[in-house]
Amino acid sequence: MPSLARIDWVESSASERLEALRRATGRQVCAMARAVEWEGDCHEVIGWISAQICVDLGSALTLFMNAGPESYNRIPRNHVTGGAQSTCAQLDVLCQRINAGFYLPDPTRQMIGAERLVAWMDAQAEDNRLGQAGRWQLNPVIVAPMMPGSGHKGRRRPKTRNKGFLGKLISPLFA
């Protein structure tokens, strides 16, 4: 199977693309998240990329915005037809993962085209004020590190859990 650098993305099959991506580094997967185009038979690749824990928040938001969600955000789910259905399904999953905090912010990988995210969040706030929510609602707290001027300095760290009384009594026995 060809490596990520040697694969012809136009002529190769989806299975060849996925095989090359499986052997790629985390940085290469993030680069593909930023570069992949939402046309043609790319949905398997996009689905695989979006499910990877190595993908950072900036890459995930870039992937989300590269799909052009503005054009589908106002269309009711039951009115989406054809190829747009799989695009919208991918965007549904991507939005859910973003809002769940699946993707961590990385200060070395800022979002490409952050002005589109700012416009999206402004439009979302205006829609919420008017009571007209679109299909995809990004959590402002989660996406804040990718907003220009947020002052975000590094990766979020998981909270350490304090041991309870019983844990403090027993833990010296297992040390």
N, C-alpha and C. Protein backbone atom coordinates (compact mmCIF):
# COMPACT_ATOMS: atom_id res chain seq x y z
N MET A 1 0.83 -1.18 0.00
CA MET A 1 0.00 0.00 0.00
C MET A 1 0.88 1.25 0.00
N PRO A 2 0.47 2.29 -0.70
CA PRO A 2 1.27 3.50 -0.77
C PRO A 2 1.23 4.29 0.53
N SER A 3 2.31 5.05 0.78
CA SER A 3 2.34 5.91 1.95
C SER A 3 1.53 7.16 1.69
N LEU A 4 1.32 7.95 2.71
CA LEU A 4 0.51 9.16 2.59
C LEU A 4 1.12 10.13 1.58
N ALA A 5 2.44 10.21 1.55
CA ALA A 5 3.09 11.16 0.65
C ALA A 5 3.04 10.71 -0.81
N ARG A 6 2.93 9.42 -1.04
CA ARG A 6 3.01 8.91 -2.41
C ARG A 6 1.67 8.53 -3.03
N ILE A 7 0.61 8.65 -2.28
CA ILE A 7 -0.69 8.23 -2.80
C ILE A 7 -1.26 9.31 -3.72
N ASP A 8 -1.89 8.86 -4.79
CA ASP A 8 -2.58 9.77 -5.70
C ASP A 8 -4.01 9.88 -5.22
N TRP A 9 -4.36 11.02 -4.60
CA TRP A 9 -5.66 11.18 -3.96
C TRP A 9 -6.80 11.25 -4.96
N VAL A 10 -6.51 11.52 -6.20
CA VAL A 10 -7.55 11.58 -7.23
C VAL A 10 -7.86 10.19 -7.76
N GLU A 11 -6.84 9.42 -8.04
CA GLU A 11 -7.00 8.12 -8.68
C GLU A 11 -7.17 6.96 -7.70
N SER A 12 -6.81 7.12 -6.45
CA SER A 12 -6.85 6.01 -5.50
C SER A 12 -8.27 5.77 -4.99
N SER A 13 -8.49 4.56 -4.52
CA SER A 13 -9.79 4.20 -3.96
C SER A 13 -9.86 4.67 -2.50
N ALA A 14 -11.05 4.67 -1.95
CA ALA A 14 -11.24 5.08 -0.56
C ALA A 14 -10.46 4.16 0.39
N SER A 15 -10.42 2.86 0.09
CA SER A 15 -9.70 1.92 0.95
C SER A 15 -8.20 2.19 0.92
N GLU A 16 -7.65 2.56 -0.25
CA GLU A 16 -6.23 2.90 -0.33
C GLU A 16 -5.93 4.18 0.45
N ARG A 17 -6.83 5.14 0.37
CA ARG A 17 -6.64 6.38 1.12
C ARG A 17 -6.66 6.11 2.62
N LEU A 18 -7.61 5.29 3.06
CA LEU A 18 -7.70 4.98 4.48
C LEU A 18 -6.49 4.21 4.97
N GLU A 19 -6.00 3.29 4.17
CA GLU A 19 -4.81 2.53 4.54
C GLU A 19 -3.60 3.45 4.70
N ALA A 20 -3.45 4.40 3.79
CA ALA A 20 -2.35 5.36 3.89
C ALA A 20 -2.51 6.24 5.13
N LEU A 21 -3.73 6.65 5.43
CA LEU A 21 -3.97 7.48 6.61
C LEU A 21 -3.72 6.71 7.91
N ARG A 22 -4.02 5.43 7.92
CA ARG A 22 -3.80 4.64 9.13
C ARG A 22 -2.32 4.56 9.49
N ARG A 23 -1.46 4.67 8.51
CA ARG A 23 -0.02 4.61 8.76
C ARG A 23 0.58 6.00 8.96
N ALA A 24 -0.22 7.04 8.89
CA ALA A 24 0.27 8.41 9.01
C ALA A 24 0.45 8.79 10.48
N THR A 25 1.29 9.80 10.68
CA THR A 25 1.48 10.34 12.03
C THR A 25 0.30 11.24 12.39
N GLY A 26 0.21 11.61 13.65
CA GLY A 26 -0.85 12.50 14.09
C GLY A 26 -0.81 13.84 13.39
N ARG A 27 0.38 14.37 13.19
CA ARG A 27 0.53 15.66 12.48
C ARG A 27 0.04 15.54 11.03
N GLN A 28 0.33 14.42 10.39
CA GLN A 28 -0.12 14.22 9.02
C GLN A 28 -1.64 14.09 8.95
N VAL A 29 -2.24 13.42 9.92
CA VAL A 29 -3.69 13.29 9.95
C VAL A 29 -4.33 14.67 10.13
N CYS A 30 -3.75 15.50 11.01
CA CYS A 30 -4.26 16.87 11.20
C CYS A 30 -4.10 17.69 9.92
N ALA A 31 -2.98 17.51 9.24
CA ALA A 31 -2.78 18.23 7.97
C ALA A 31 -3.82 17.80 6.95
N MET A 32 -4.16 16.52 6.92
CA MET A 32 -5.19 16.04 6.00
C MET A 32 -6.56 16.59 6.39
N ALA A 33 -6.82 16.71 7.68
CA ALA A 33 -8.10 17.28 8.14
C ALA A 33 -8.26 18.70 7.62
N ARG A 34 -7.16 19.41 7.53
CA ARG A 34 -7.19 20.79 7.06
C ARG A 34 -7.25 20.89 5.53
N ALA A 35 -6.82 19.84 4.84
CA ALA A 35 -6.69 19.91 3.38
C ALA A 35 -7.74 19.12 2.61
N VAL A 36 -8.37 18.14 3.23
CA VAL A 36 -9.30 17.27 2.50
C VAL A 36 -10.48 18.09 1.98
N GLU A 37 -10.91 17.75 0.78
CA GLU A 37 -12.04 18.44 0.16
C GLU A 37 -13.29 17.58 0.32
N TRP A 38 -14.41 18.22 0.52
CA TRP A 38 -15.67 17.56 0.81
C TRP A 38 -16.40 17.12 -0.46
N GLU A 39 -15.74 16.97 -1.55
CA GLU A 39 -16.39 16.58 -2.80
C GLU A 39 -16.10 15.12 -3.11
N GLY A 40 -16.98 14.51 -3.88
CA GLY A 40 -16.74 13.15 -4.35
C GLY A 40 -16.93 12.11 -3.27
N ASP A 41 -16.07 11.09 -3.31
CA ASP A 41 -16.19 9.95 -2.40
C ASP A 41 -15.25 10.09 -1.20
N CYS A 42 -15.19 11.25 -0.61
CA CYS A 42 -14.26 11.51 0.49
C CYS A 42 -14.87 11.26 1.86
N HIS A 43 -16.14 10.89 1.94
CA HIS A 43 -16.82 10.82 3.23
C HIS A 43 -16.27 9.73 4.15
N GLU A 44 -15.79 8.63 3.60
CA GLU A 44 -15.15 7.61 4.44
C GLU A 44 -13.89 8.17 5.06
N VAL A 45 -13.10 8.88 4.27
CA VAL A 45 -11.86 9.47 4.76
C VAL A 45 -12.16 10.52 5.82
N ILE A 46 -13.14 11.38 5.57
CA ILE A 46 -13.50 12.43 6.52
C ILE A 46 -14.02 11.81 7.82
N GLY A 47 -14.83 10.78 7.70
CA GLY A 47 -15.33 10.09 8.89
C GLY A 47 -14.21 9.49 9.72
N TRP A 48 -13.23 8.88 9.04
CA TRP A 48 -12.10 8.29 9.76
C TRP A 48 -11.26 9.38 10.41
N ILE A 49 -10.96 10.44 9.68
CA ILE A 49 -10.14 11.53 10.23
C ILE A 49 -10.83 12.13 11.45
N SER A 50 -12.12 12.40 11.35
CA SER A 50 -12.81 13.07 12.45
C SER A 50 -12.93 12.19 13.69
N ALA A 51 -12.73 10.90 13.57
CA ALA A 51 -12.81 10.00 14.72
C ALA A 51 -11.48 9.81 15.43
N GLN A 52 -10.42 10.43 14.93
CA GLN A 52 -9.09 10.22 15.51
C GLN A 52 -8.85 11.16 16.67
N ILE A 53 -8.33 10.61 17.76
CA ILE A 53 -8.05 11.39 18.97
C ILE A 53 -6.89 12.36 18.76
N CYS A 54 -6.05 12.10 17.77
CA CYS A 54 -4.91 12.98 17.51
C CYS A 54 -5.32 14.29 16.84
N VAL A 55 -6.53 14.39 16.35
CA VAL A 55 -6.99 15.60 15.68
C VAL A 55 -7.26 16.67 16.73
N ASP A 56 -6.70 17.85 16.53
CA ASP A 56 -6.86 18.94 17.48
C ASP A 56 -8.08 19.79 17.10
N LEU A 57 -8.45 20.69 17.99
CA LEU A 57 -9.64 21.51 17.80
C LEU A 57 -9.52 22.41 16.56
N GLY A 58 -8.35 23.00 16.33
CA GLY A 58 -8.17 23.86 15.16
C GLY A 58 -8.36 23.10 13.86
N SER A 59 -7.84 21.88 13.80
CA SER A 59 -7.99 21.06 12.59
C SER A 59 -9.44 20.63 12.41
N ALA A 60 -10.11 20.27 13.51
CA ALA A 60 -11.51 19.84 13.43
C ALA A 60 -12.41 21.00 12.98
N LEU A 61 -12.18 22.20 13.52
CA LEU A 61 -12.99 23.35 13.11
C LEU A 61 -12.69 23.75 11.67
N THR A 62 -11.44 23.60 11.24
CA THR A 62 -11.11 23.88 9.85
C THR A 62 -11.82 22.89 8.94
N LEU A 63 -11.83 21.61 9.32
CA LEU A 63 -12.54 20.58 8.57
C LEU A 63 -14.03 20.90 8.51
N PHE A 64 -14.61 21.29 9.64
CA PHE A 64 -16.03 21.64 9.70
C PHE A 64 -16.34 22.81 8.77
N MET A 65 -15.57 23.88 8.85
CA MET A 65 -15.84 25.07 8.05
C MET A 65 -15.55 24.85 6.56
N ASN A 66 -14.62 23.95 6.23
CA ASN A 66 -14.32 23.65 4.82
C ASN A 66 -15.47 22.96 4.11
N ALA A 67 -16.40 22.41 4.87
CA ALA A 67 -17.56 21.75 4.26
C ALA A 67 -18.60 22.75 3.78
N GLY A 68 -18.45 24.00 4.17
CA GLY A 68 -19.45 25.00 3.80
C GLY A 68 -20.76 24.79 4.52
N PRO A 69 -20.74 24.66 5.85
CA PRO A 69 -21.99 24.37 6.57
C PRO A 69 -23.02 25.49 6.48
N GLU A 70 -22.59 26.69 6.11
CA GLU A 70 -23.53 27.81 6.00
C GLU A 70 -24.65 27.51 5.00
N SER A 71 -24.31 26.78 3.95
CA SER A 71 -25.31 26.51 2.90
C SER A 71 -26.34 25.47 3.32
N TYR A 72 -26.05 24.68 4.37
CA TYR A 72 -26.98 23.63 4.80
C TYR A 72 -27.63 23.94 6.15
N ASN A 73 -27.15 24.93 6.85
CA ASN A 73 -27.56 25.17 8.23
C ASN A 73 -29.04 25.50 8.38
N ARG A 74 -29.65 26.07 7.39
CA ARG A 74 -31.06 26.48 7.46
C ARG A 74 -32.02 25.48 6.80
N ILE A 75 -31.49 24.47 6.16
CA ILE A 75 -32.34 23.49 5.48
C ILE A 75 -32.82 22.46 6.50
N PRO A 76 -34.12 22.24 6.64
CA PRO A 76 -34.61 21.21 7.57
C PRO A 76 -34.06 19.83 7.18
N ARG A 77 -33.84 19.00 8.18
CA ARG A 77 -33.26 17.67 7.95
C ARG A 77 -34.00 16.86 6.90
N ASN A 78 -35.31 16.91 6.90
CA ASN A 78 -36.08 16.09 5.96
C ASN A 78 -36.11 16.67 4.55
N HIS A 79 -35.54 17.84 4.33
CA HIS A 79 -35.47 18.43 2.99
C HIS A 79 -34.10 18.28 2.34
N VAL A 80 -33.14 17.70 3.05
CA VAL A 80 -31.81 17.48 2.50
C VAL A 80 -31.84 16.22 1.66
N THR A 81 -31.39 16.31 0.41
CA THR A 81 -31.45 15.16 -0.49
C THR A 81 -30.10 14.88 -1.12
N GLY A 82 -29.97 13.71 -1.72
CA GLY A 82 -28.81 13.34 -2.51
C GLY A 82 -27.51 13.32 -1.73
N GLY A 83 -26.45 13.81 -2.38
CA GLY A 83 -25.12 13.83 -1.79
C GLY A 83 -25.01 14.73 -0.58
N ALA A 84 -25.92 15.68 -0.46
CA ALA A 84 -25.90 16.58 0.69
C ALA A 84 -26.24 15.84 1.98
N GLN A 85 -26.96 14.72 1.88
CA GLN A 85 -27.31 13.96 3.08
C GLN A 85 -26.07 13.44 3.79
N SER A 86 -25.13 12.87 3.04
CA SER A 86 -23.92 12.34 3.69
C SER A 86 -23.04 13.47 4.22
N THR A 87 -23.00 14.60 3.50
CA THR A 87 -22.25 15.75 4.01
C THR A 87 -22.85 16.24 5.31
N CYS A 88 -24.16 16.37 5.36
CA CYS A 88 -24.83 16.83 6.58
C CYS A 88 -24.66 15.84 7.72
N ALA A 89 -24.69 14.56 7.42
CA ALA A 89 -24.48 13.54 8.45
C ALA A 89 -23.08 13.65 9.03
N GLN A 90 -22.08 13.85 8.15
CA GLN A 90 -20.70 14.04 8.62
C GLN A 90 -20.59 15.29 9.48
N LEU A 91 -21.25 16.36 9.05
CA LEU A 91 -21.23 17.60 9.82
C LEU A 91 -21.93 17.43 11.17
N ASP A 92 -23.01 16.64 11.21
CA ASP A 92 -23.69 16.36 12.48
C ASP A 92 -22.72 15.72 13.47
N VAL A 93 -22.02 14.70 13.02
CA VAL A 93 -21.10 13.98 13.89
C VAL A 93 -19.94 14.89 14.30
N LEU A 94 -19.41 15.63 13.37
CA LEU A 94 -18.29 16.53 13.66
C LEU A 94 -18.70 17.59 14.68
N CYS A 95 -19.87 18.16 14.52
CA CYS A 95 -20.37 19.17 15.45
C CYS A 95 -20.56 18.56 16.85
N GLN A 96 -21.10 17.36 16.91
CA GLN A 96 -21.28 16.70 18.20
C GLN A 96 -19.95 16.46 18.90
N ARG A 97 -18.95 16.02 18.15
CA ARG A 97 -17.63 15.78 18.75
C ARG A 97 -16.98 17.08 19.20
N ILE A 98 -17.13 18.13 18.42
CA ILE A 98 -16.58 19.43 18.81
C ILE A 98 -17.23 19.87 20.12
N ASN A 99 -18.54 19.83 20.19
CA ASN A 99 -19.26 20.29 21.37
C ASN A 99 -19.02 19.41 22.60
N ALA A 100 -18.70 18.15 22.38
CA ALA A 100 -18.42 17.24 23.49
C ALA A 100 -17.01 17.42 24.04
N GLY A 101 -16.19 18.21 23.37
CA GLY A 101 -14.81 18.41 23.83
C GLY A 101 -13.87 17.30 23.42
N PHE A 102 -14.25 16.54 22.39
CA PHE A 102 -13.41 15.44 21.91
C PHE A 102 -12.06 15.94 21.39
N TYR A 103 -12.06 17.11 20.78
CA TYR A 103 -10.85 17.68 20.21
C TYR A 103 -10.28 18.72 21.16
N LEU A 104 -9.01 18.56 21.52
CA LEU A 104 -8.36 19.50 22.42
C LEU A 104 -7.68 20.62 21.63
N PRO A 105 -7.70 21.83 22.16
CA PRO A 105 -7.00 22.92 21.48
C PRO A 105 -5.49 22.74 21.58
N ASP A 106 -4.79 23.07 20.54
CA ASP A 106 -3.33 22.99 20.50
C ASP A 106 -2.82 24.34 20.01
N PRO A 107 -2.03 25.04 20.82
CA PRO A 107 -1.58 26.38 20.42
C PRO A 107 -0.68 26.38 19.19
N THR A 108 -0.10 25.24 18.84
CA THR A 108 0.75 25.19 17.65
C THR A 108 -0.05 24.95 16.38
N ARG A 109 -1.33 24.63 16.51
CA ARG A 109 -2.18 24.36 15.35
C ARG A 109 -3.46 25.18 15.44
N GLN A 110 -3.36 26.44 15.14
CA GLN A 110 -4.55 27.29 15.15
C GLN A 110 -5.41 26.98 13.93
N MET A 111 -6.64 27.39 14.00
CA MET A 111 -7.58 27.15 12.93
C MET A 111 -7.22 27.97 11.69
N ILE A 112 -7.41 27.40 10.53
CA ILE A 112 -7.22 28.13 9.28
C ILE A 112 -8.55 28.81 8.95
N GLY A 113 -8.52 30.11 8.72
CA GLY A 113 -9.74 30.84 8.40
C GLY A 113 -10.60 31.12 9.61
N ALA A 114 -9.98 31.57 10.69
CA ALA A 114 -10.72 31.83 11.93
C ALA A 114 -11.79 32.90 11.76
N GLU A 115 -11.64 33.76 10.75
CA GLU A 115 -12.66 34.80 10.53
C GLU A 115 -14.01 34.18 10.15
N ARG A 116 -13.99 33.02 9.50
CA ARG A 116 -15.25 32.33 9.18
C ARG A 116 -15.91 31.81 10.46
N LEU A 117 -15.09 31.35 11.41
CA LEU A 117 -15.64 30.89 12.68
C LEU A 117 -16.25 32.06 13.45
N VAL A 118 -15.59 33.20 13.42
CA VAL A 118 -16.12 34.39 14.08
C VAL A 118 -17.47 34.77 13.47
N ALA A 119 -17.54 34.77 12.14
CA ALA A 119 -18.81 35.08 11.46
C ALA A 119 -19.88 34.06 11.82
N TRP A 120 -19.50 32.77 11.88
CA TRP A 120 -20.45 31.71 12.23
C TRP A 120 -20.98 31.94 13.65
N MET A 121 -20.08 32.22 14.59
CA MET A 121 -20.50 32.41 15.98
C MET A 121 -21.35 33.67 16.14
N ASP A 122 -21.03 34.73 15.40
CA ASP A 122 -21.85 35.94 15.44
C ASP A 122 -23.25 35.66 14.91
N ALA A 123 -23.33 34.94 13.78
CA ALA A 123 -24.63 34.59 13.20
C ALA A 123 -25.41 33.67 14.13
N GLN A 124 -24.71 32.75 14.78
CA GLN A 124 -25.35 31.83 15.72
C GLN A 124 -25.92 32.61 16.91
N ALA A 125 -25.17 33.57 17.43
CA ALA A 125 -25.65 34.38 18.55
C ALA A 125 -26.87 35.20 18.15
N GLU A 126 -26.83 35.75 16.95
CA GLU A 126 -27.97 36.54 16.46
C GLU A 126 -29.20 35.64 16.26
N ASP A 127 -28.98 34.44 15.71
CA ASP A 127 -30.09 33.50 15.53
C ASP A 127 -30.70 33.11 16.88
N ASN A 128 -29.83 32.86 17.86
CA ASN A 128 -30.33 32.50 19.19
C ASN A 128 -31.12 33.65 19.80
N ARG A 129 -30.67 34.87 19.58
CA ARG A 129 -31.37 36.04 20.09
C ARG A 129 -32.76 36.14 19.47
N LEU A 130 -32.85 35.78 18.18
CA LEU A 130 -34.13 35.83 17.47
C LEU A 130 -34.97 34.56 17.64
N GLY A 131 -34.41 33.55 18.30
CA GLY A 131 -35.12 32.29 18.49
C GLY A 131 -35.17 31.41 17.26
N GLN A 132 -34.16 31.52 16.39
CA GLN A 132 -34.11 30.74 15.15
C GLN A 132 -32.81 29.94 15.08
N ALA A 133 -32.72 28.91 15.85
CA ALA A 133 -31.49 28.13 15.88
C ALA A 133 -31.28 27.37 14.58
N GLY A 134 -30.04 27.35 14.10
CA GLY A 134 -29.70 26.58 12.91
C GLY A 134 -29.47 25.12 13.29
N ARG A 135 -29.10 24.32 12.30
CA ARG A 135 -28.90 22.89 12.51
C ARG A 135 -27.69 22.61 13.40
N TRP A 136 -26.61 23.36 13.22
CA TRP A 136 -25.39 23.13 13.98
C TRP A 136 -25.12 24.30 14.90
N GLN A 137 -25.13 24.03 16.18
CA GLN A 137 -24.87 25.03 17.21
C GLN A 137 -23.54 24.68 17.86
N LEU A 138 -22.50 25.47 17.60
CA LEU A 138 -21.20 25.24 18.22
C LEU A 138 -21.20 25.87 19.61
N ASN A 139 -20.65 25.16 20.57
CA ASN A 139 -20.58 25.63 21.94
C ASN A 139 -19.53 26.74 22.02
N PRO A 140 -19.92 27.97 22.39
CA PRO A 140 -18.97 29.08 22.41
C PRO A 140 -17.82 28.87 23.39
N VAL A 141 -18.05 28.16 24.47
CA VAL A 141 -16.98 27.92 25.45
C VAL A 141 -15.94 26.96 24.86
N ILE A 142 -16.40 25.95 24.14
CA ILE A 142 -15.49 24.95 23.56
C ILE A 142 -14.65 25.57 22.44
N VAL A 143 -15.25 26.37 21.58
CA VAL A 143 -14.53 26.92 20.43
C VAL A 143 -13.77 28.20 20.75
N ALA A 144 -13.95 28.75 21.95
CA ALA A 144 -13.30 30.01 22.33
C ALA A 144 -11.78 30.01 22.13
N PRO A 145 -11.06 28.92 22.39
CA PRO A 145 -9.61 28.95 22.18
C PRO A 145 -9.20 29.19 20.72
N MET A 146 -10.08 28.94 19.77
CA MET A 146 -9.75 29.15 18.37
C MET A 146 -10.19 30.52 17.87
N MET A 147 -10.87 31.27 18.70
CA MET A 147 -11.31 32.60 18.32
C MET A 147 -10.13 33.56 18.42
N PRO A 148 -9.97 34.45 17.46
CA PRO A 148 -8.88 35.42 17.52
C PRO A 148 -8.96 36.26 18.79
N GLY A 149 -7.81 36.43 19.44
CA GLY A 149 -7.73 37.26 20.65
C GLY A 149 -8.23 36.57 21.90
N SER A 150 -8.34 35.24 21.88
CA SER A 150 -8.84 34.54 23.06
C SER A 150 -7.81 34.45 24.17
N GLY A 151 -6.52 34.57 23.82
CA GLY A 151 -5.47 34.49 24.82
C GLY A 151 -5.19 33.09 25.31
N HIS A 152 -5.63 32.09 24.57
CA HIS A 152 -5.39 30.70 24.96
C HIS A 152 -3.91 30.39 24.84
N LYS A 153 -3.32 29.84 25.89
CA LYS A 153 -1.87 29.62 25.93
C LYS A 153 -1.43 28.17 25.75
N GLY A 154 -2.28 27.21 25.93
CA GLY A 154 -1.80 25.83 25.82
C GLY A 154 -2.92 24.82 25.82
N ARG A 155 -2.53 23.54 25.84
CA ARG A 155 -3.51 22.46 25.85
C ARG A 155 -4.22 22.42 27.19
N ARG A 156 -5.47 22.04 27.15
CA ARG A 156 -6.20 21.82 28.39
C ARG A 156 -5.64 20.57 29.05
N ARG A 157 -5.57 20.60 30.34
CA ARG A 157 -5.11 19.43 31.07
C ARG A 157 -6.29 18.79 31.76
N PRO A 158 -6.33 17.46 31.77
CA PRO A 158 -7.43 16.82 32.48
C PRO A 158 -7.33 17.11 33.98
N LYS A 159 -8.48 17.25 34.62
CA LYS A 159 -8.50 17.50 36.05
C LYS A 159 -8.03 16.27 36.79
N THR A 160 -7.23 16.49 37.82
CA THR A 160 -6.83 15.37 38.66
C THR A 160 -7.89 15.19 39.73
N ARG A 161 -8.19 13.97 39.98
CA ARG A 161 -9.25 13.67 40.95
C ARG A 161 -8.62 13.47 42.32
N ASN A 162 -9.11 14.18 43.29
CA ASN A 162 -8.63 14.00 44.66
C ASN A 162 -9.16 12.69 45.21
N LYS A 163 -8.30 12.03 45.98
CA LYS A 163 -8.71 10.78 46.58
C LYS A 163 -9.63 11.06 47.76
N GLY A 164 -10.58 10.20 47.93
CA GLY A 164 -11.47 10.30 49.07
C GLY A 164 -10.78 9.78 50.31
N PHE A 165 -11.49 9.80 51.42
CA PHE A 165 -10.94 9.37 52.70
C PHE A 165 -10.44 7.93 52.63
N LEU A 166 -11.26 7.05 52.09
CA LEU A 166 -10.89 5.63 51.99
C LEU A 166 -9.69 5.44 51.05
N GLY A 167 -9.65 6.20 49.96
CA GLY A 167 -8.54 6.12 49.02
C GLY A 167 -7.23 6.55 49.66
N LYS A 168 -7.28 7.56 50.53
CA LYS A 168 -6.07 8.02 51.22
C LYS A 168 -5.58 6.98 52.20
N LEU A 169 -6.51 6.23 52.80
CA LEU A 169 -6.13 5.19 53.77
C LEU A 169 -5.52 3.97 53.09
N ILE A 170 -6.09 3.59 51.94
CA ILE A 170 -5.67 2.36 51.27
C ILE A 170 -4.48 2.56 50.33
N SER A 171 -4.33 3.73 49.71
CA SER A 171 -3.29 3.91 48.69
C SER A 171 -1.87 3.66 49.21
N PRO A 172 -1.51 3.96 50.46
CA PRO A 172 -0.14 3.62 50.90
C PRO A 172 0.13 2.12 50.89
N LEU A 173 -0.89 1.30 51.01
CA LEU A 173 -0.69 -0.13 51.00
C LEU A 173 -0.29 -0.65 49.61
N PHE A 174 -0.67 0.07 48.54
CA PHE A 174 -0.38 -0.37 47.18
C PHE A 174 0.78 0.38 46.56
N ALA A 175 1.43 1.27 47.28
CA ALA A 175 2.53 2.07 46.73
C ALA A 175 3.82 1.31 46.70
